[in-house]
N, C-alpha and C. Protein backbone atom coordinates (compact mmCIF):
# COMPACT_ATOMS: atom_id res chain seq x y z
N MET A 1 16.25 -17.23 12.86
CA MET A 1 15.01 -16.53 12.57
C MET A 1 14.70 -15.51 13.66
N ILE A 2 13.86 -14.61 13.34
CA ILE A 2 13.45 -13.56 14.27
C ILE A 2 12.47 -14.17 15.27
N ASN A 3 12.50 -13.70 16.50
CA ASN A 3 11.62 -14.20 17.57
C ASN A 3 10.16 -13.94 17.21
N GLN A 4 9.40 -15.00 17.02
CA GLN A 4 8.02 -14.88 16.59
C GLN A 4 7.10 -14.31 17.67
N LYS A 5 7.54 -14.32 18.93
CA LYS A 5 6.70 -13.80 20.00
C LYS A 5 6.81 -12.29 20.14
N THR A 6 7.87 -11.70 19.63
CA THR A 6 8.08 -10.27 19.83
C THR A 6 8.17 -9.47 18.53
N ASP A 7 7.97 -10.13 17.40
CA ASP A 7 8.21 -9.42 16.14
C ASP A 7 6.94 -8.87 15.50
N GLY A 8 5.80 -8.94 16.12
CA GLY A 8 4.54 -8.52 15.52
C GLY A 8 4.53 -7.08 15.07
N ILE A 9 4.71 -6.16 15.98
CA ILE A 9 4.65 -4.74 15.65
C ILE A 9 5.81 -4.31 14.75
N PRO A 10 7.06 -4.68 15.04
CA PRO A 10 8.15 -4.26 14.15
C PRO A 10 7.98 -4.75 12.70
N GLN A 11 7.54 -6.00 12.53
CA GLN A 11 7.38 -6.49 11.15
C GLN A 11 6.22 -5.79 10.47
N LEU A 12 5.17 -5.47 11.21
CA LEU A 12 4.03 -4.76 10.62
C LEU A 12 4.45 -3.36 10.18
N ILE A 13 5.16 -2.66 11.03
CA ILE A 13 5.62 -1.30 10.69
C ILE A 13 6.58 -1.36 9.51
N THR A 14 7.46 -2.34 9.50
CA THR A 14 8.40 -2.48 8.39
C THR A 14 7.67 -2.77 7.10
N ARG A 15 6.69 -3.67 7.15
CA ARG A 15 5.90 -3.98 5.95
C ARG A 15 5.18 -2.75 5.42
N ILE A 16 4.55 -2.00 6.31
CA ILE A 16 3.82 -0.80 5.90
C ILE A 16 4.77 0.25 5.33
N ALA A 17 5.89 0.47 6.03
CA ALA A 17 6.86 1.48 5.57
C ALA A 17 7.43 1.12 4.20
N LEU A 18 7.80 -0.14 4.01
CA LEU A 18 8.34 -0.55 2.71
C LEU A 18 7.26 -0.48 1.64
N GLY A 19 6.07 -0.94 1.96
CA GLY A 19 4.98 -0.90 0.99
C GLY A 19 4.71 0.51 0.52
N ILE A 20 4.57 1.43 1.46
CA ILE A 20 4.35 2.84 1.11
C ILE A 20 5.57 3.40 0.39
N GLY A 21 6.75 2.98 0.85
CA GLY A 21 7.99 3.45 0.24
C GLY A 21 8.14 3.04 -1.22
N PHE A 22 7.47 1.99 -1.64
CA PHE A 22 7.45 1.62 -3.05
C PHE A 22 6.33 2.31 -3.81
N LEU A 23 5.18 2.46 -3.18
CA LEU A 23 4.02 3.00 -3.89
C LEU A 23 4.05 4.52 -4.09
N VAL A 24 4.63 5.25 -3.15
CA VAL A 24 4.68 6.71 -3.30
C VAL A 24 5.54 7.14 -4.49
N PRO A 25 6.75 6.60 -4.67
CA PRO A 25 7.52 6.99 -5.86
C PRO A 25 6.83 6.61 -7.16
N VAL A 26 6.12 5.47 -7.18
CA VAL A 26 5.37 5.10 -8.38
C VAL A 26 4.28 6.14 -8.65
N SER A 27 3.60 6.55 -7.59
CA SER A 27 2.57 7.58 -7.74
C SER A 27 3.16 8.87 -8.30
N ASP A 28 4.37 9.19 -7.86
CA ASP A 28 5.06 10.40 -8.35
C ASP A 28 5.35 10.27 -9.84
N ARG A 29 5.93 9.17 -10.25
CA ARG A 29 6.30 9.04 -11.67
C ARG A 29 5.10 8.91 -12.59
N LEU A 30 3.94 8.56 -12.02
CA LEU A 30 2.71 8.51 -12.82
C LEU A 30 1.95 9.83 -12.78
N GLY A 31 2.50 10.83 -12.09
CA GLY A 31 1.90 12.15 -12.05
C GLY A 31 0.79 12.30 -11.02
N LEU A 32 0.61 11.33 -10.15
CA LEU A 32 -0.48 11.37 -9.16
C LEU A 32 -0.20 12.31 -7.99
N LEU A 33 1.06 12.72 -7.83
CA LEU A 33 1.42 13.61 -6.72
C LEU A 33 1.58 15.07 -7.17
N GLY A 34 1.28 15.31 -8.42
CA GLY A 34 1.40 16.66 -8.94
C GLY A 34 2.34 16.70 -10.12
N PRO A 35 2.37 17.83 -10.80
CA PRO A 35 3.22 17.96 -12.00
C PRO A 35 4.69 18.08 -11.61
N PRO A 36 5.58 17.95 -12.59
CA PRO A 36 7.00 18.15 -12.31
C PRO A 36 7.24 19.51 -11.65
N GLY A 37 8.04 19.51 -10.64
CA GLY A 37 8.34 20.75 -9.92
C GLY A 37 8.98 20.45 -8.59
N PRO A 38 9.11 21.45 -7.74
CA PRO A 38 9.82 21.29 -6.47
C PRO A 38 9.12 20.33 -5.49
N ALA A 39 7.82 20.10 -5.67
CA ALA A 39 7.10 19.23 -4.74
C ALA A 39 7.17 17.76 -5.13
N THR A 40 7.74 17.46 -6.30
CA THR A 40 7.83 16.08 -6.76
C THR A 40 9.24 15.76 -7.20
N ALA A 41 9.57 14.47 -7.21
CA ALA A 41 10.87 14.05 -7.72
C ALA A 41 10.85 14.03 -9.25
N TRP A 42 9.73 13.56 -9.83
CA TRP A 42 9.62 13.47 -11.29
C TRP A 42 8.36 14.17 -11.79
N GLY A 43 7.22 13.80 -11.26
CA GLY A 43 5.97 14.42 -11.66
C GLY A 43 5.29 13.81 -12.88
N ASP A 44 6.03 13.06 -13.66
CA ASP A 44 5.44 12.36 -14.80
C ASP A 44 6.42 11.28 -15.28
N TRP A 45 5.92 10.46 -16.18
CA TRP A 45 6.71 9.32 -16.67
C TRP A 45 7.95 9.78 -17.45
N LYS A 46 7.80 10.82 -18.25
CA LYS A 46 8.93 11.30 -19.06
C LYS A 46 10.10 11.72 -18.18
N HIS A 47 9.83 12.49 -17.13
CA HIS A 47 10.91 12.90 -16.23
C HIS A 47 11.51 11.69 -15.51
N PHE A 48 10.68 10.71 -15.21
CA PHE A 48 11.21 9.50 -14.56
C PHE A 48 12.13 8.73 -15.50
N THR A 49 11.72 8.56 -16.76
CA THR A 49 12.57 7.81 -17.68
C THR A 49 13.87 8.57 -17.98
N THR A 50 13.80 9.89 -17.97
CA THR A 50 15.03 10.68 -18.11
C THR A 50 15.98 10.37 -16.96
N TYR A 51 15.43 10.29 -15.74
CA TYR A 51 16.25 9.92 -14.57
C TYR A 51 16.78 8.50 -14.73
N ALA A 52 15.91 7.59 -15.17
CA ALA A 52 16.34 6.19 -15.35
C ALA A 52 17.52 6.13 -16.33
N HIS A 53 17.47 6.90 -17.39
CA HIS A 53 18.57 6.94 -18.37
C HIS A 53 19.84 7.46 -17.70
N SER A 54 19.68 8.41 -16.78
CA SER A 54 20.86 9.00 -16.13
C SER A 54 21.58 8.00 -15.22
N ILE A 55 20.84 7.04 -14.66
CA ILE A 55 21.52 6.05 -13.80
C ILE A 55 21.86 4.76 -14.55
N MET A 56 21.41 4.68 -15.81
CA MET A 56 21.76 3.53 -16.66
C MET A 56 22.28 4.01 -18.01
N PRO A 57 23.26 4.93 -18.01
CA PRO A 57 23.72 5.50 -19.28
C PRO A 57 24.44 4.48 -20.16
N PHE A 58 24.84 3.37 -19.59
CA PHE A 58 25.55 2.34 -20.33
C PHE A 58 24.60 1.44 -21.11
N LEU A 59 23.28 1.65 -20.96
CA LEU A 59 22.29 0.87 -21.69
C LEU A 59 21.68 1.70 -22.81
N PRO A 60 21.27 1.04 -23.90
CA PRO A 60 20.53 1.78 -24.93
C PRO A 60 19.23 2.34 -24.32
N GLU A 61 18.74 3.44 -24.87
CA GLU A 61 17.57 4.11 -24.31
C GLU A 61 16.36 3.17 -24.21
N GLY A 62 16.14 2.37 -25.23
CA GLY A 62 15.00 1.44 -25.21
C GLY A 62 15.09 0.44 -24.07
N LEU A 63 16.29 -0.07 -23.81
CA LEU A 63 16.47 -1.03 -22.71
C LEU A 63 16.33 -0.34 -21.36
N SER A 64 16.81 0.88 -21.28
CA SER A 64 16.64 1.66 -20.05
C SER A 64 15.16 1.92 -19.79
N ASP A 65 14.41 2.27 -20.83
CA ASP A 65 12.96 2.47 -20.69
C ASP A 65 12.27 1.19 -20.24
N PHE A 66 12.67 0.07 -20.82
CA PHE A 66 12.09 -1.22 -20.45
C PHE A 66 12.39 -1.54 -18.98
N ASN A 67 13.65 -1.32 -18.56
CA ASN A 67 14.01 -1.55 -17.16
C ASN A 67 13.19 -0.67 -16.22
N ALA A 68 12.97 0.57 -16.61
CA ALA A 68 12.17 1.49 -15.79
C ALA A 68 10.75 0.97 -15.65
N LEU A 69 10.19 0.47 -16.74
CA LEU A 69 8.83 -0.08 -16.69
C LEU A 69 8.77 -1.34 -15.83
N VAL A 70 9.71 -2.24 -16.01
CA VAL A 70 9.74 -3.48 -15.22
C VAL A 70 9.92 -3.16 -13.74
N ALA A 71 10.82 -2.25 -13.42
CA ALA A 71 11.03 -1.86 -12.02
C ALA A 71 9.75 -1.27 -11.43
N THR A 72 9.06 -0.46 -12.20
CA THR A 72 7.81 0.15 -11.73
C THR A 72 6.76 -0.92 -11.46
N ILE A 73 6.64 -1.88 -12.35
CA ILE A 73 5.68 -2.98 -12.14
C ILE A 73 6.03 -3.74 -10.87
N PHE A 74 7.30 -4.07 -10.69
CA PHE A 74 7.72 -4.77 -9.47
C PHE A 74 7.43 -3.93 -8.23
N GLU A 75 7.68 -2.63 -8.30
CA GLU A 75 7.43 -1.76 -7.15
C GLU A 75 5.95 -1.74 -6.78
N VAL A 76 5.07 -1.73 -7.77
CA VAL A 76 3.63 -1.77 -7.49
C VAL A 76 3.27 -3.10 -6.83
N VAL A 77 3.72 -4.19 -7.42
CA VAL A 77 3.41 -5.52 -6.86
C VAL A 77 4.00 -5.65 -5.46
N PHE A 78 5.25 -5.28 -5.28
CA PHE A 78 5.88 -5.37 -3.96
C PHE A 78 5.15 -4.50 -2.95
N GLY A 79 4.83 -3.27 -3.34
CA GLY A 79 4.15 -2.36 -2.42
C GLY A 79 2.82 -2.92 -1.94
N ILE A 80 2.01 -3.38 -2.86
CA ILE A 80 0.69 -3.93 -2.50
C ILE A 80 0.84 -5.19 -1.66
N CYS A 81 1.70 -6.09 -2.09
CA CYS A 81 1.89 -7.35 -1.34
C CYS A 81 2.42 -7.10 0.07
N LEU A 82 3.33 -6.14 0.21
CA LEU A 82 3.86 -5.83 1.55
C LEU A 82 2.77 -5.24 2.44
N LEU A 83 1.96 -4.34 1.90
CA LEU A 83 0.88 -3.76 2.71
C LEU A 83 -0.12 -4.83 3.16
N LEU A 84 -0.40 -5.77 2.29
CA LEU A 84 -1.36 -6.82 2.62
C LEU A 84 -0.73 -7.98 3.38
N GLY A 85 0.58 -8.10 3.32
CA GLY A 85 1.24 -9.22 3.95
C GLY A 85 1.03 -10.51 3.18
N PHE A 86 1.13 -10.43 1.86
CA PHE A 86 0.95 -11.59 1.00
C PHE A 86 2.29 -12.01 0.41
N LYS A 87 2.66 -13.28 0.62
CA LYS A 87 3.96 -13.80 0.17
C LYS A 87 5.08 -12.90 0.70
N THR A 88 4.96 -12.56 1.97
CA THR A 88 5.82 -11.54 2.57
C THR A 88 7.30 -11.85 2.44
N ARG A 89 7.70 -13.05 2.77
CA ARG A 89 9.13 -13.37 2.74
C ARG A 89 9.70 -13.25 1.34
N LEU A 90 9.01 -13.80 0.36
CA LEU A 90 9.46 -13.74 -1.02
C LEU A 90 9.49 -12.30 -1.53
N VAL A 91 8.43 -11.56 -1.27
CA VAL A 91 8.32 -10.17 -1.72
C VAL A 91 9.37 -9.30 -1.03
N ALA A 92 9.59 -9.52 0.26
CA ALA A 92 10.59 -8.75 0.98
C ALA A 92 11.98 -9.00 0.41
N PHE A 93 12.28 -10.25 0.11
CA PHE A 93 13.59 -10.56 -0.49
C PHE A 93 13.69 -9.92 -1.87
N GLY A 94 12.63 -10.03 -2.66
CA GLY A 94 12.63 -9.40 -3.99
C GLY A 94 12.81 -7.89 -3.91
N SER A 95 12.19 -7.27 -2.92
CA SER A 95 12.33 -5.82 -2.77
C SER A 95 13.76 -5.45 -2.39
N ALA A 96 14.41 -6.29 -1.59
CA ALA A 96 15.80 -6.04 -1.24
C ALA A 96 16.70 -6.14 -2.47
N VAL A 97 16.45 -7.15 -3.30
CA VAL A 97 17.25 -7.32 -4.52
C VAL A 97 17.03 -6.15 -5.47
N LEU A 98 15.77 -5.76 -5.66
CA LEU A 98 15.47 -4.64 -6.56
C LEU A 98 16.15 -3.35 -6.10
N THR A 99 16.07 -3.05 -4.81
CA THR A 99 16.68 -1.81 -4.33
C THR A 99 18.21 -1.91 -4.32
N LEU A 100 18.75 -3.10 -4.14
CA LEU A 100 20.20 -3.26 -4.24
C LEU A 100 20.67 -3.00 -5.67
N LEU A 101 19.92 -3.51 -6.64
CA LEU A 101 20.25 -3.23 -8.05
C LEU A 101 20.18 -1.73 -8.33
N PHE A 102 19.16 -1.08 -7.80
CA PHE A 102 19.02 0.36 -7.93
C PHE A 102 20.25 1.06 -7.34
N ALA A 103 20.68 0.63 -6.17
CA ALA A 103 21.86 1.22 -5.53
C ALA A 103 23.11 1.03 -6.38
N ILE A 104 23.26 -0.15 -6.95
CA ILE A 104 24.43 -0.42 -7.79
C ILE A 104 24.43 0.50 -9.00
N PHE A 105 23.27 0.64 -9.66
CA PHE A 105 23.19 1.55 -10.81
C PHE A 105 23.51 2.98 -10.39
N MET A 106 23.01 3.40 -9.23
CA MET A 106 23.29 4.76 -8.74
C MET A 106 24.78 4.95 -8.50
N ILE A 107 25.43 3.95 -7.89
CA ILE A 107 26.86 4.04 -7.59
C ILE A 107 27.68 4.11 -8.89
N ILE A 108 27.35 3.25 -9.85
CA ILE A 108 28.07 3.23 -11.12
C ILE A 108 27.97 4.59 -11.81
N SER A 109 26.78 5.16 -11.80
CA SER A 109 26.54 6.40 -12.55
C SER A 109 26.90 7.67 -11.80
N ASN A 110 26.65 7.69 -10.48
CA ASN A 110 26.78 8.94 -9.73
C ASN A 110 27.67 8.86 -8.51
N GLY A 111 28.29 7.72 -8.26
CA GLY A 111 29.19 7.59 -7.12
C GLY A 111 28.49 7.06 -5.87
N ILE A 112 29.29 6.69 -4.90
CA ILE A 112 28.79 6.02 -3.69
C ILE A 112 27.83 6.89 -2.89
N MET A 113 27.97 8.19 -2.96
CA MET A 113 27.08 9.05 -2.16
C MET A 113 25.65 9.10 -2.69
N ALA A 114 25.44 8.75 -3.95
CA ALA A 114 24.10 8.84 -4.54
C ALA A 114 23.07 8.00 -3.77
N PRO A 115 23.32 6.71 -3.53
CA PRO A 115 22.31 5.95 -2.78
C PRO A 115 22.30 6.26 -1.28
N ILE A 116 23.39 6.82 -0.79
CA ILE A 116 23.45 7.16 0.63
C ILE A 116 22.59 8.38 0.93
N LYS A 117 22.43 9.28 -0.04
CA LYS A 117 21.58 10.46 0.15
C LYS A 117 20.11 10.09 0.27
N TYR A 118 19.75 8.92 -0.18
CA TYR A 118 18.38 8.41 -0.10
C TYR A 118 18.41 7.14 0.74
N PRO A 119 17.27 6.65 1.21
CA PRO A 119 17.30 5.47 2.08
C PRO A 119 17.40 4.15 1.32
N VAL A 120 18.19 4.11 0.27
CA VAL A 120 18.26 2.91 -0.56
C VAL A 120 18.77 1.72 0.24
N PHE A 121 19.85 1.90 0.99
CA PHE A 121 20.39 0.77 1.75
C PHE A 121 19.49 0.42 2.94
N VAL A 122 18.73 1.37 3.44
CA VAL A 122 17.74 1.08 4.48
C VAL A 122 16.67 0.14 3.92
N PHE A 123 16.24 0.40 2.69
CA PHE A 123 15.27 -0.48 2.04
C PHE A 123 15.84 -1.89 1.87
N VAL A 124 17.09 -1.97 1.45
CA VAL A 124 17.73 -3.28 1.27
C VAL A 124 17.74 -4.03 2.61
N GLY A 125 18.22 -3.36 3.66
CA GLY A 125 18.30 -4.01 4.97
C GLY A 125 16.94 -4.38 5.52
N ALA A 126 15.97 -3.47 5.39
CA ALA A 126 14.63 -3.76 5.89
C ALA A 126 14.00 -4.92 5.14
N GLY A 127 14.21 -4.98 3.84
CA GLY A 127 13.69 -6.10 3.07
C GLY A 127 14.31 -7.42 3.49
N LEU A 128 15.63 -7.41 3.71
CA LEU A 128 16.30 -8.64 4.15
C LEU A 128 15.83 -9.07 5.54
N LEU A 129 15.69 -8.12 6.45
CA LEU A 129 15.19 -8.46 7.79
C LEU A 129 13.76 -9.00 7.73
N LEU A 130 12.92 -8.36 6.95
CA LEU A 130 11.54 -8.81 6.83
C LEU A 130 11.46 -10.19 6.19
N ALA A 131 12.39 -10.50 5.31
CA ALA A 131 12.43 -11.83 4.69
C ALA A 131 12.74 -12.92 5.71
N CYS A 132 13.26 -12.54 6.88
CA CYS A 132 13.57 -13.51 7.94
C CYS A 132 12.39 -13.80 8.86
N VAL A 133 11.30 -13.07 8.71
CA VAL A 133 10.12 -13.27 9.56
C VAL A 133 9.32 -14.44 8.98
N GLU A 134 9.31 -15.54 9.71
CA GLU A 134 8.69 -16.76 9.20
C GLU A 134 7.17 -16.66 9.10
N HIS A 135 6.54 -16.09 10.11
CA HIS A 135 5.08 -16.02 10.16
C HIS A 135 4.65 -14.59 10.48
N PRO A 136 4.58 -13.73 9.47
CA PRO A 136 4.19 -12.34 9.73
C PRO A 136 2.76 -12.24 10.25
N LYS A 137 2.62 -11.56 11.37
CA LYS A 137 1.29 -11.37 11.97
C LYS A 137 0.52 -10.31 11.19
N TRP A 138 -0.79 -10.32 11.37
CA TRP A 138 -1.67 -9.33 10.76
C TRP A 138 -1.44 -9.26 9.25
N SER A 139 -1.49 -10.42 8.62
CA SER A 139 -1.18 -10.49 7.19
C SER A 139 -2.07 -11.54 6.53
N ILE A 140 -2.16 -11.46 5.22
CA ILE A 140 -2.84 -12.52 4.47
C ILE A 140 -2.10 -13.83 4.69
N ASP A 141 -0.79 -13.78 4.77
CA ASP A 141 0.00 -14.99 5.01
C ASP A 141 -0.45 -15.69 6.29
N SER A 142 -0.67 -14.94 7.36
CA SER A 142 -1.09 -15.56 8.63
C SER A 142 -2.49 -16.16 8.52
N VAL A 143 -3.37 -15.52 7.78
CA VAL A 143 -4.73 -16.05 7.59
C VAL A 143 -4.66 -17.34 6.78
N LEU A 144 -3.86 -17.34 5.72
CA LEU A 144 -3.73 -18.54 4.89
C LEU A 144 -3.10 -19.69 5.68
N LYS A 145 -2.16 -19.37 6.54
CA LYS A 145 -1.51 -20.42 7.35
C LYS A 145 -2.51 -21.03 8.32
N LYS A 146 -3.37 -20.22 8.94
CA LYS A 146 -4.39 -20.73 9.86
C LYS A 146 -5.37 -21.63 9.15
N ASN A 147 -5.70 -21.31 7.91
CA ASN A 147 -6.70 -22.05 7.16
C ASN A 147 -6.14 -23.29 6.49
N SER A 148 -4.84 -23.48 6.54
CA SER A 148 -4.26 -24.67 5.87
C SER A 148 -4.00 -25.79 6.84
């Protein structure tokens, strides 16, 4: 396990970075960051699902749309839970698995360089490291542990 005496700030920064890293792309695909264009990756749900189809071309369109929706729901839940520090270890592990699946789909569809151009493997590693923090400081988890 990670040293509980020295991991306060690094785990907090990692939690915040991962949390924001999940919520910003969701905001983009919901159109909250502006319309489709050079300032956004997607700008709306339609452009996002078109991208989702491009990395899952081996799936029927309906299943690809469903996967995009499920991934988005997980990203919202993971992002909020990471920011708050709620069920941190479980959520961090789940976020690592989700981003690893994303990387695999990217590799299958677009080659090994696709996930390397983005911080996909950084998310996987950060999630796995954060999952090793037994008692995250400055979190709902730490408050619940004190009260139990």
